[in-house]
Amino acid sequence: MKIDNNKFVSITYVLKENSSSGKVIETVADSRPLNFVFGTGKLLPSFESNLLSLSKGDKFDFVLNASDAYGDRREEMMVNVPISVFEIDGKIDESICYVGNMVPMTDSSGNPLEGMINEITETHVRMDFNHPMAGVNLWFSGNVLDVREPSPDELAASCSSCSGCGSEGDSSCSCGC
């Protein structure tokens, strides 16, 4: 069976920065493989396109350019946040506000996002809201451990926003998974 939409896929891989000789970012081993239902929008589209049509036992080795992964670093994602945002009773909360800390925040519409504190001044905190892997090419090398039809529970879990997924005997889903 080949990897295609709505197939349960199990893979292992090593992820490195830029090339096969780059710094290791992540290792997914046989003991805890990445298991997913292909084509449900949970993974980077460019990652999935490199796995499309592979079969159990196949090996893969590919690079995703930054623009096809988490995007290029964007200067407009560097923001000066008023220091007062990090104050409690007029004092900076040093358990949260320090260089290198990832801080959960919300944008003006209430959407959650995370930013890395890069600099602290008397008036503002310089934060980077780029994805941590923005601007990084991603090199993947791995193996396809399994490709099969998903169980109703696996299909339902892959598309939790869809009430029609995983119904007994129903492998279709109105949300496209």
N, C-alpha and C. Protein backbone atom coordinates (compact mmCIF):
# COMPACT_ATOMS: atom_id res chain seq x y z
N MET A 1 0.85 -1.18 0.00
CA MET A 1 0.00 0.00 0.00
C MET A 1 0.89 1.24 0.00
N LYS A 2 0.49 2.24 -0.77
CA LYS A 2 1.26 3.47 -0.89
C LYS A 2 0.64 4.57 -0.02
N ILE A 3 1.49 5.49 0.43
CA ILE A 3 1.02 6.64 1.21
C ILE A 3 0.14 7.50 0.31
N ASP A 4 -1.04 7.81 0.81
CA ASP A 4 -1.99 8.65 0.11
C ASP A 4 -2.96 9.22 1.15
N ASN A 5 -3.84 10.11 0.73
CA ASN A 5 -4.80 10.70 1.65
C ASN A 5 -5.58 9.64 2.40
N ASN A 6 -5.79 9.90 3.68
CA ASN A 6 -6.56 9.05 4.58
C ASN A 6 -5.92 7.71 4.87
N LYS A 7 -4.62 7.59 4.67
CA LYS A 7 -3.89 6.37 5.05
C LYS A 7 -3.17 6.65 6.37
N PHE A 8 -3.16 5.66 7.25
CA PHE A 8 -2.41 5.76 8.49
C PHE A 8 -0.95 5.49 8.17
N VAL A 9 -0.06 6.39 8.60
CA VAL A 9 1.36 6.30 8.27
C VAL A 9 2.16 6.32 9.56
N SER A 10 3.18 5.50 9.61
CA SER A 10 4.10 5.46 10.74
C SER A 10 5.51 5.59 10.18
N ILE A 11 6.27 6.60 10.67
CA ILE A 11 7.63 6.84 10.17
C ILE A 11 8.59 7.13 11.32
N THR A 12 9.87 6.92 11.01
CA THR A 12 10.96 7.40 11.86
C THR A 12 11.78 8.36 11.02
N TYR A 13 12.49 9.27 11.69
CA TYR A 13 13.34 10.18 10.92
C TYR A 13 14.34 10.88 11.82
N VAL A 14 15.34 11.45 11.17
CA VAL A 14 16.26 12.38 11.79
C VAL A 14 16.07 13.71 11.06
N LEU A 15 15.91 14.78 11.82
CA LEU A 15 15.75 16.12 11.26
C LEU A 15 16.99 16.93 11.61
N LYS A 16 17.61 17.51 10.58
CA LYS A 16 18.82 18.33 10.78
C LYS A 16 18.63 19.68 10.11
N GLU A 17 19.41 20.66 10.60
CA GLU A 17 19.42 21.98 9.98
C GLU A 17 20.16 21.91 8.66
N ASN A 18 19.53 22.35 7.60
CA ASN A 18 20.12 22.61 6.28
C ASN A 18 20.56 21.41 5.46
N SER A 19 21.26 20.43 6.04
CA SER A 19 21.81 19.34 5.22
C SER A 19 22.11 18.13 6.10
N SER A 20 22.60 17.07 5.47
CA SER A 20 22.92 15.84 6.21
C SER A 20 24.03 16.06 7.23
N SER A 21 24.82 17.11 7.08
CA SER A 21 25.89 17.39 8.03
C SER A 21 25.50 18.47 9.05
N GLY A 22 24.26 18.93 9.01
CA GLY A 22 23.80 19.98 9.91
C GLY A 22 23.55 19.49 11.32
N LYS A 23 23.26 20.44 12.19
CA LYS A 23 22.96 20.16 13.59
C LYS A 23 21.65 19.37 13.69
N VAL A 24 21.63 18.32 14.52
CA VAL A 24 20.42 17.52 14.72
C VAL A 24 19.41 18.34 15.52
N ILE A 25 18.21 18.46 14.97
CA ILE A 25 17.12 19.18 15.62
C ILE A 25 16.23 18.20 16.37
N GLU A 26 15.96 17.04 15.74
CA GLU A 26 15.03 16.07 16.32
C GLU A 26 15.33 14.68 15.77
N THR A 27 15.15 13.68 16.63
CA THR A 27 15.24 12.29 16.20
C THR A 27 13.97 11.58 16.64
N VAL A 28 13.31 10.94 15.71
CA VAL A 28 12.12 10.14 15.99
C VAL A 28 12.49 8.69 15.73
N ALA A 29 12.58 7.90 16.80
CA ALA A 29 13.08 6.53 16.73
C ALA A 29 11.96 5.50 16.63
N ASP A 30 12.36 4.26 16.34
CA ASP A 30 11.41 3.14 16.23
C ASP A 30 10.57 2.98 17.50
N SER A 31 11.14 3.27 18.64
CA SER A 31 10.43 3.08 19.91
C SER A 31 9.26 4.07 20.07
N ARG A 32 9.31 5.21 19.39
CA ARG A 32 8.24 6.21 19.43
C ARG A 32 8.10 6.87 18.07
N PRO A 33 7.62 6.13 17.06
CA PRO A 33 7.53 6.69 15.70
C PRO A 33 6.48 7.80 15.62
N LEU A 34 6.57 8.57 14.55
CA LEU A 34 5.53 9.56 14.24
C LEU A 34 4.41 8.82 13.52
N ASN A 35 3.23 8.83 14.11
CA ASN A 35 2.05 8.18 13.55
C ASN A 35 1.03 9.25 13.20
N PHE A 36 0.49 9.20 11.99
CA PHE A 36 -0.47 10.22 11.57
C PHE A 36 -1.32 9.69 10.42
N VAL A 37 -2.46 10.34 10.23
CA VAL A 37 -3.29 10.06 9.06
C VAL A 37 -2.91 11.09 8.01
N PHE A 38 -2.44 10.61 6.89
CA PHE A 38 -1.90 11.44 5.81
C PHE A 38 -2.99 12.31 5.20
N GLY A 39 -2.65 13.58 4.93
CA GLY A 39 -3.53 14.47 4.19
C GLY A 39 -4.59 15.16 5.02
N THR A 40 -4.46 15.15 6.34
CA THR A 40 -5.47 15.78 7.19
C THR A 40 -5.08 17.18 7.64
N GLY A 41 -3.98 17.71 7.11
CA GLY A 41 -3.58 19.08 7.41
C GLY A 41 -2.85 19.26 8.72
N LYS A 42 -2.40 18.19 9.32
CA LYS A 42 -1.69 18.27 10.60
C LYS A 42 -0.19 18.51 10.43
N LEU A 43 0.35 18.21 9.24
CA LEU A 43 1.78 18.35 8.97
C LEU A 43 2.01 19.35 7.84
N LEU A 44 3.25 19.81 7.72
CA LEU A 44 3.59 20.72 6.64
C LEU A 44 3.25 20.08 5.29
N PRO A 45 2.53 20.79 4.42
CA PRO A 45 2.19 20.23 3.11
C PRO A 45 3.43 19.78 2.33
N SER A 46 4.52 20.54 2.41
CA SER A 46 5.73 20.18 1.67
C SER A 46 6.37 18.91 2.25
N PHE A 47 6.20 18.67 3.54
CA PHE A 47 6.69 17.43 4.16
C PHE A 47 5.89 16.26 3.60
N GLU A 48 4.58 16.39 3.63
CA GLU A 48 3.73 15.31 3.13
C GLU A 48 3.96 15.04 1.65
N SER A 49 4.17 16.08 0.85
CA SER A 49 4.35 15.86 -0.58
C SER A 49 5.59 15.01 -0.86
N ASN A 50 6.58 15.07 0.01
CA ASN A 50 7.78 14.25 -0.15
C ASN A 50 7.56 12.80 0.26
N LEU A 51 6.50 12.54 1.00
CA LEU A 51 6.19 11.17 1.43
C LEU A 51 5.15 10.51 0.53
N LEU A 52 4.41 11.30 -0.23
CA LEU A 52 3.34 10.79 -1.08
C LEU A 52 3.84 9.65 -1.96
N SER A 53 3.10 8.57 -1.98
CA SER A 53 3.35 7.39 -2.81
C SER A 53 4.47 6.48 -2.31
N LEU A 54 5.08 6.79 -1.16
CA LEU A 54 6.05 5.84 -0.59
C LEU A 54 5.29 4.68 0.03
N SER A 55 5.98 3.56 0.23
CA SER A 55 5.39 2.35 0.79
C SER A 55 6.15 1.91 2.03
N LYS A 56 5.55 0.99 2.77
CA LYS A 56 6.20 0.41 3.94
C LYS A 56 7.58 -0.12 3.52
N GLY A 57 8.60 0.23 4.31
CA GLY A 57 9.96 -0.21 4.02
C GLY A 57 10.79 0.78 3.21
N ASP A 58 10.13 1.77 2.59
CA ASP A 58 10.87 2.77 1.80
C ASP A 58 11.63 3.71 2.72
N LYS A 59 12.76 4.17 2.21
CA LYS A 59 13.56 5.18 2.89
C LYS A 59 13.34 6.52 2.20
N PHE A 60 13.52 7.60 2.95
CA PHE A 60 13.40 8.93 2.35
C PHE A 60 14.53 9.83 2.84
N ASP A 61 14.80 10.83 2.03
CA ASP A 61 15.89 11.77 2.29
C ASP A 61 15.57 13.02 1.46
N PHE A 62 15.20 14.11 2.11
CA PHE A 62 14.85 15.32 1.37
C PHE A 62 15.07 16.56 2.22
N VAL A 63 15.15 17.70 1.53
CA VAL A 63 15.32 19.00 2.19
C VAL A 63 14.08 19.85 1.91
N LEU A 64 13.57 20.48 2.94
CA LEU A 64 12.52 21.48 2.76
C LEU A 64 13.19 22.84 2.90
N ASN A 65 13.08 23.67 1.87
CA ASN A 65 13.59 25.02 1.96
C ASN A 65 12.77 25.77 3.00
N ALA A 66 13.41 26.72 3.67
CA ALA A 66 12.73 27.48 4.72
C ALA A 66 11.39 28.02 4.25
N SER A 67 11.33 28.51 3.02
CA SER A 67 10.09 29.08 2.50
C SER A 67 8.98 28.04 2.38
N ASP A 68 9.33 26.76 2.25
CA ASP A 68 8.35 25.68 2.17
C ASP A 68 8.09 25.03 3.52
N ALA A 69 8.82 25.46 4.55
CA ALA A 69 8.67 24.89 5.88
C ALA A 69 7.98 25.92 6.79
N TYR A 70 8.76 26.63 7.59
CA TYR A 70 8.20 27.60 8.52
C TYR A 70 8.39 29.03 8.06
N GLY A 71 8.79 29.20 6.81
CA GLY A 71 8.92 30.53 6.24
C GLY A 71 10.26 31.17 6.53
N ASP A 72 10.49 32.26 5.85
CA ASP A 72 11.71 33.04 6.07
C ASP A 72 11.51 33.90 7.31
N ARG A 73 12.61 34.28 7.94
CA ARG A 73 12.54 35.21 9.07
C ARG A 73 12.06 36.56 8.55
N ARG A 74 11.14 37.16 9.29
CA ARG A 74 10.57 38.43 8.88
C ARG A 74 10.82 39.49 9.95
N GLU A 75 11.38 40.60 9.54
CA GLU A 75 11.71 41.68 10.47
C GLU A 75 10.46 42.23 11.16
N GLU A 76 9.33 42.22 10.45
CA GLU A 76 8.10 42.76 11.07
C GLU A 76 7.59 41.89 12.22
N MET A 77 8.15 40.70 12.37
CA MET A 77 7.80 39.82 13.49
C MET A 77 8.64 40.13 14.73
N MET A 78 9.55 41.09 14.61
CA MET A 78 10.32 41.58 15.75
C MET A 78 9.57 42.80 16.29
N VAL A 79 9.14 42.73 17.54
CA VAL A 79 8.24 43.74 18.08
C VAL A 79 8.77 44.27 19.41
N ASN A 80 8.66 45.57 19.60
CA ASN A 80 8.97 46.18 20.89
C ASN A 80 7.68 46.22 21.71
N VAL A 81 7.66 45.49 22.82
CA VAL A 81 6.51 45.43 23.72
C VAL A 81 6.81 46.34 24.91
N PRO A 82 5.87 47.20 25.30
CA PRO A 82 6.13 48.06 26.45
C PRO A 82 6.51 47.25 27.69
N ILE A 83 7.51 47.72 28.42
CA ILE A 83 8.00 47.02 29.61
C ILE A 83 6.89 46.82 30.63
N SER A 84 5.91 47.72 30.63
CA SER A 84 4.81 47.63 31.60
C SER A 84 4.01 46.34 31.48
N VAL A 85 4.02 45.73 30.30
CA VAL A 85 3.32 44.46 30.10
C VAL A 85 3.88 43.37 31.02
N PHE A 86 5.15 43.51 31.38
CA PHE A 86 5.83 42.50 32.19
C PHE A 86 5.93 42.89 33.67
N GLU A 87 5.23 43.94 34.05
CA GLU A 87 5.30 44.41 35.43
C GLU A 87 4.13 43.90 36.26
N ILE A 88 4.43 43.59 37.51
CA ILE A 88 3.42 43.27 38.50
C ILE A 88 3.69 44.20 39.68
N ASP A 89 2.69 44.99 40.03
CA ASP A 89 2.84 45.99 41.10
C ASP A 89 4.04 46.89 40.87
N GLY A 90 4.25 47.30 39.61
CA GLY A 90 5.31 48.23 39.27
C GLY A 90 6.70 47.64 39.16
N LYS A 91 6.83 46.33 39.30
CA LYS A 91 8.14 45.68 39.19
C LYS A 91 8.11 44.62 38.10
N ILE A 92 9.22 44.50 37.38
CA ILE A 92 9.32 43.49 36.32
C ILE A 92 9.30 42.10 36.94
N ASP A 93 8.46 41.23 36.38
CA ASP A 93 8.40 39.84 36.82
C ASP A 93 9.57 39.09 36.19
N GLU A 94 10.66 38.98 36.93
CA GLU A 94 11.89 38.38 36.41
C GLU A 94 11.78 36.87 36.21
N SER A 95 10.73 36.24 36.73
CA SER A 95 10.55 34.81 36.47
C SER A 95 10.05 34.58 35.05
N ILE A 96 9.55 35.63 34.43
CA ILE A 96 9.06 35.55 33.05
C ILE A 96 9.91 36.39 32.11
N CYS A 97 10.28 37.56 32.56
CA CYS A 97 10.93 38.53 31.68
C CYS A 97 12.45 38.43 31.79
N TYR A 98 13.02 37.58 30.91
CA TYR A 98 14.48 37.47 30.80
C TYR A 98 14.84 37.06 29.38
N VAL A 99 15.99 37.48 28.94
CA VAL A 99 16.45 37.20 27.58
C VAL A 99 16.53 35.70 27.36
N GLY A 100 15.95 35.26 26.24
CA GLY A 100 15.96 33.84 25.88
C GLY A 100 14.68 33.10 26.25
N ASN A 101 13.80 33.73 27.02
CA ASN A 101 12.57 33.06 27.43
C ASN A 101 11.52 33.14 26.32
N MET A 102 10.82 32.02 26.10
CA MET A 102 9.66 31.99 25.20
C MET A 102 8.44 32.30 26.06
N VAL A 103 7.71 33.34 25.67
CA VAL A 103 6.59 33.81 26.47
C VAL A 103 5.29 33.67 25.69
N PRO A 104 4.29 32.99 26.27
CA PRO A 104 2.98 32.94 25.61
C PRO A 104 2.31 34.31 25.71
N MET A 105 1.77 34.76 24.60
CA MET A 105 1.12 36.07 24.52
C MET A 105 -0.12 35.92 23.66
N THR A 106 -0.85 37.01 23.47
CA THR A 106 -1.96 37.05 22.53
C THR A 106 -1.82 38.30 21.67
N ASP A 107 -2.29 38.18 20.43
CA ASP A 107 -2.26 39.35 19.56
C ASP A 107 -3.48 40.22 19.83
N SER A 108 -3.63 41.30 19.08
CA SER A 108 -4.72 42.24 19.31
C SER A 108 -6.11 41.63 19.08
N SER A 109 -6.15 40.49 18.37
CA SER A 109 -7.43 39.80 18.15
C SER A 109 -7.67 38.69 19.14
N GLY A 110 -6.75 38.50 20.08
CA GLY A 110 -6.90 37.46 21.09
C GLY A 110 -6.35 36.11 20.69
N ASN A 111 -5.67 36.04 19.54
CA ASN A 111 -5.08 34.77 19.10
C ASN A 111 -3.80 34.48 19.87
N PRO A 112 -3.61 33.23 20.31
CA PRO A 112 -2.39 32.91 21.05
C PRO A 112 -1.16 32.85 20.14
N LEU A 113 -0.03 33.29 20.66
CA LEU A 113 1.24 33.20 19.97
C LEU A 113 2.35 33.21 21.01
N GLU A 114 3.54 32.81 20.60
CA GLU A 114 4.68 32.80 21.49
C GLU A 114 5.78 33.67 20.92
N GLY A 115 6.47 34.36 21.82
CA GLY A 115 7.56 35.21 21.39
C GLY A 115 8.79 34.99 22.26
N MET A 116 9.95 35.09 21.63
CA MET A 116 11.22 34.95 22.33
C MET A 116 11.71 36.34 22.74
N ILE A 117 12.06 36.49 24.01
CA ILE A 117 12.60 37.76 24.48
C ILE A 117 14.06 37.85 24.05
N ASN A 118 14.38 38.89 23.26
CA ASN A 118 15.74 39.09 22.74
C ASN A 118 16.50 40.19 23.47
N GLU A 119 15.76 41.17 24.01
CA GLU A 119 16.42 42.32 24.63
C GLU A 119 15.45 42.97 25.61
N ILE A 120 15.99 43.48 26.70
CA ILE A 120 15.18 44.21 27.68
C ILE A 120 15.83 45.58 27.90
N THR A 121 15.03 46.63 27.70
CA THR A 121 15.53 47.99 27.94
C THR A 121 14.68 48.62 29.05
N GLU A 122 14.94 49.86 29.35
CA GLU A 122 14.16 50.56 30.37
C GLU A 122 12.72 50.81 29.93
N THR A 123 12.49 50.85 28.61
CA THR A 123 11.16 51.20 28.12
C THR A 123 10.41 50.06 27.43
N HIS A 124 11.15 49.06 26.92
CA HIS A 124 10.48 48.01 26.16
C HIS A 124 11.23 46.68 26.25
N VAL A 125 10.52 45.65 25.82
CA VAL A 125 11.10 44.31 25.68
C VAL A 125 11.03 43.98 24.20
N ARG A 126 12.18 43.68 23.60
CA ARG A 126 12.25 43.32 22.18
C ARG A 126 11.94 41.84 22.06
N MET A 127 10.87 41.51 21.32
CA MET A 127 10.43 40.13 21.19
C MET A 127 10.42 39.69 19.73
N ASP A 128 10.76 38.43 19.53
CA ASP A 128 10.78 37.83 18.20
C ASP A 128 9.62 36.85 18.12
N PHE A 129 8.65 37.15 17.26
CA PHE A 129 7.48 36.30 17.09
C PHE A 129 7.58 35.41 15.85
N ASN A 130 8.75 35.34 15.23
CA ASN A 130 8.98 34.37 14.16
C ASN A 130 8.92 32.96 14.75
N HIS A 131 8.53 31.98 13.96
CA HIS A 131 8.60 30.59 14.40
C HIS A 131 10.07 30.29 14.69
N PRO A 132 10.37 29.51 15.73
CA PRO A 132 11.78 29.21 16.06
C PRO A 132 12.57 28.62 14.89
N MET A 133 11.90 27.95 13.95
CA MET A 133 12.62 27.37 12.80
C MET A 133 12.44 28.19 11.52
N ALA A 134 11.92 29.41 11.65
CA ALA A 134 11.82 30.28 10.48
C ALA A 134 13.23 30.58 9.97
N GLY A 135 13.37 30.55 8.65
CA GLY A 135 14.67 30.82 8.04
C GLY A 135 15.61 29.63 8.00
N VAL A 136 15.14 28.48 8.47
CA VAL A 136 15.99 27.28 8.53
C VAL A 136 15.51 26.27 7.48
N ASN A 137 16.43 25.78 6.65
CA ASN A 137 16.13 24.68 5.76
C ASN A 137 16.13 23.41 6.60
N LEU A 138 15.20 22.50 6.34
CA LEU A 138 15.04 21.29 7.14
C LEU A 138 15.38 20.06 6.31
N TRP A 139 16.36 19.27 6.79
CA TRP A 139 16.77 18.05 6.11
C TRP A 139 16.21 16.85 6.88
N PHE A 140 15.42 16.03 6.21
CA PHE A 140 14.82 14.84 6.79
C PHE A 140 15.41 13.59 6.15
N SER A 141 15.72 12.62 6.98
CA SER A 141 16.14 11.30 6.50
C SER A 141 15.45 10.27 7.38
N GLY A 142 14.76 9.30 6.76
CA GLY A 142 14.03 8.35 7.59
C GLY A 142 13.52 7.15 6.84
N ASN A 143 12.62 6.44 7.51
CA ASN A 143 12.05 5.20 7.01
C ASN A 143 10.55 5.18 7.21
N VAL A 144 9.85 4.58 6.26
CA VAL A 144 8.42 4.35 6.39
C VAL A 144 8.24 2.99 7.08
N LEU A 145 7.68 3.01 8.28
CA LEU A 145 7.49 1.76 9.03
C LEU A 145 6.20 1.05 8.66
N ASP A 146 5.16 1.84 8.36
CA ASP A 146 3.87 1.22 8.08
C ASP A 146 2.99 2.17 7.28
N VAL A 147 2.16 1.61 6.42
CA VAL A 147 1.12 2.33 5.69
C VAL A 147 -0.08 1.40 5.66
N ARG A 148 -1.21 1.87 6.17
CA ARG A 148 -2.40 1.02 6.22
C ARG A 148 -3.65 1.90 6.32
N GLU A 149 -4.79 1.26 6.26
CA GLU A 149 -6.05 1.97 6.47
C GLU A 149 -6.13 2.34 7.96
N PRO A 150 -6.60 3.54 8.26
CA PRO A 150 -6.72 3.93 9.67
C PRO A 150 -7.95 3.28 10.30
N SER A 151 -7.88 3.06 11.60
CA SER A 151 -9.07 2.60 12.32
C SER A 151 -10.04 3.77 12.43
N PRO A 152 -11.29 3.52 12.72
CA PRO A 152 -12.24 4.63 12.91
C PRO A 152 -11.76 5.60 14.00
N ASP A 153 -11.18 5.08 15.07
CA ASP A 153 -10.68 5.95 16.15
C ASP A 153 -9.51 6.81 15.67
N GLU A 154 -8.60 6.25 14.88
CA GLU A 154 -7.46 7.01 14.35
C GLU A 154 -7.93 8.09 13.41
N LEU A 155 -8.90 7.78 12.58
CA LEU A 155 -9.45 8.76 11.66
C LEU A 155 -10.14 9.88 12.43
N ALA A 156 -10.92 9.53 13.45
CA ALA A 156 -11.62 10.53 14.26
C ALA A 156 -10.61 11.43 14.97
N ALA A 157 -9.55 10.85 15.51
CA ALA A 157 -8.54 11.64 16.22
C ALA A 157 -7.80 12.58 15.28
N SER A 158 -7.65 12.20 14.03
CA SER A 158 -6.92 13.03 13.07
C SER A 158 -7.73 14.23 12.61
N CYS A 159 -9.02 14.19 12.85
CA CYS A 159 -9.91 15.24 12.37
C CYS A 159 -10.91 15.57 13.46
N SER A 160 -10.41 15.95 14.62
CA SER A 160 -11.25 16.14 15.80
C SER A 160 -12.33 17.20 15.64
N SER A 161 -12.16 18.11 14.68
CA SER A 161 -13.17 19.15 14.50
C SER A 161 -14.34 18.68 13.65
N CYS A 162 -14.28 17.44 13.18
CA CYS A 162 -15.31 16.94 12.28
C CYS A 162 -16.19 15.93 13.01
N SER A 163 -17.47 16.20 13.11
CA SER A 163 -18.35 15.29 13.83
C SER A 163 -18.63 14.00 13.08
N GLY A 164 -18.38 13.97 11.75
CA GLY A 164 -18.69 12.78 10.97
C GLY A 164 -17.57 11.77 10.90
N CYS A 165 -16.36 12.11 11.39
CA CYS A 165 -15.23 11.19 11.28
C CYS A 165 -15.36 10.04 12.25
N GLY A 166 -14.95 8.89 11.78
CA GLY A 166 -14.84 7.74 12.67
C GLY A 166 -16.14 7.05 12.95
N SER A 167 -17.22 7.42 12.32
CA SER A 167 -18.46 6.71 12.52
C SER A 167 -18.29 5.28 12.07
N GLU A 168 -18.91 4.37 12.75
CA GLU A 168 -18.77 2.95 12.44
C GLU A 168 -19.10 2.71 10.97
N GLY A 169 -18.13 2.16 10.24
CA GLY A 169 -18.33 1.84 8.83
C GLY A 169 -18.24 3.04 7.91
N ASP A 170 -17.92 4.22 8.44
CA ASP A 170 -17.87 5.42 7.60
C ASP A 170 -16.43 5.93 7.56
N SER A 171 -15.78 5.88 6.41
CA SER A 171 -14.41 6.36 6.31
C SER A 171 -14.35 7.74 5.65
N SER A 172 -15.52 8.33 5.42
CA SER A 172 -15.52 9.67 4.83
C SER A 172 -15.62 10.71 5.93
N CYS A 173 -15.28 11.93 5.56
CA CYS A 173 -15.35 13.02 6.52
C CYS A 173 -15.66 14.30 5.77
N SER A 174 -16.64 15.02 6.22
CA SER A 174 -17.04 16.24 5.51
C SER A 174 -16.01 17.36 5.62
N CYS A 175 -15.04 17.25 6.54
CA CYS A 175 -14.04 18.31 6.63
C CYS A 175 -12.82 18.00 5.78
N GLY A 176 -12.85 16.92 5.01
CA GLY A 176 -11.78 16.66 4.05
C GLY A 176 -10.74 15.66 4.49
N CYS A 177 -10.84 15.13 5.69
CA CYS A 177 -9.82 14.16 6.10
C CYS A 177 -10.19 12.77 5.66
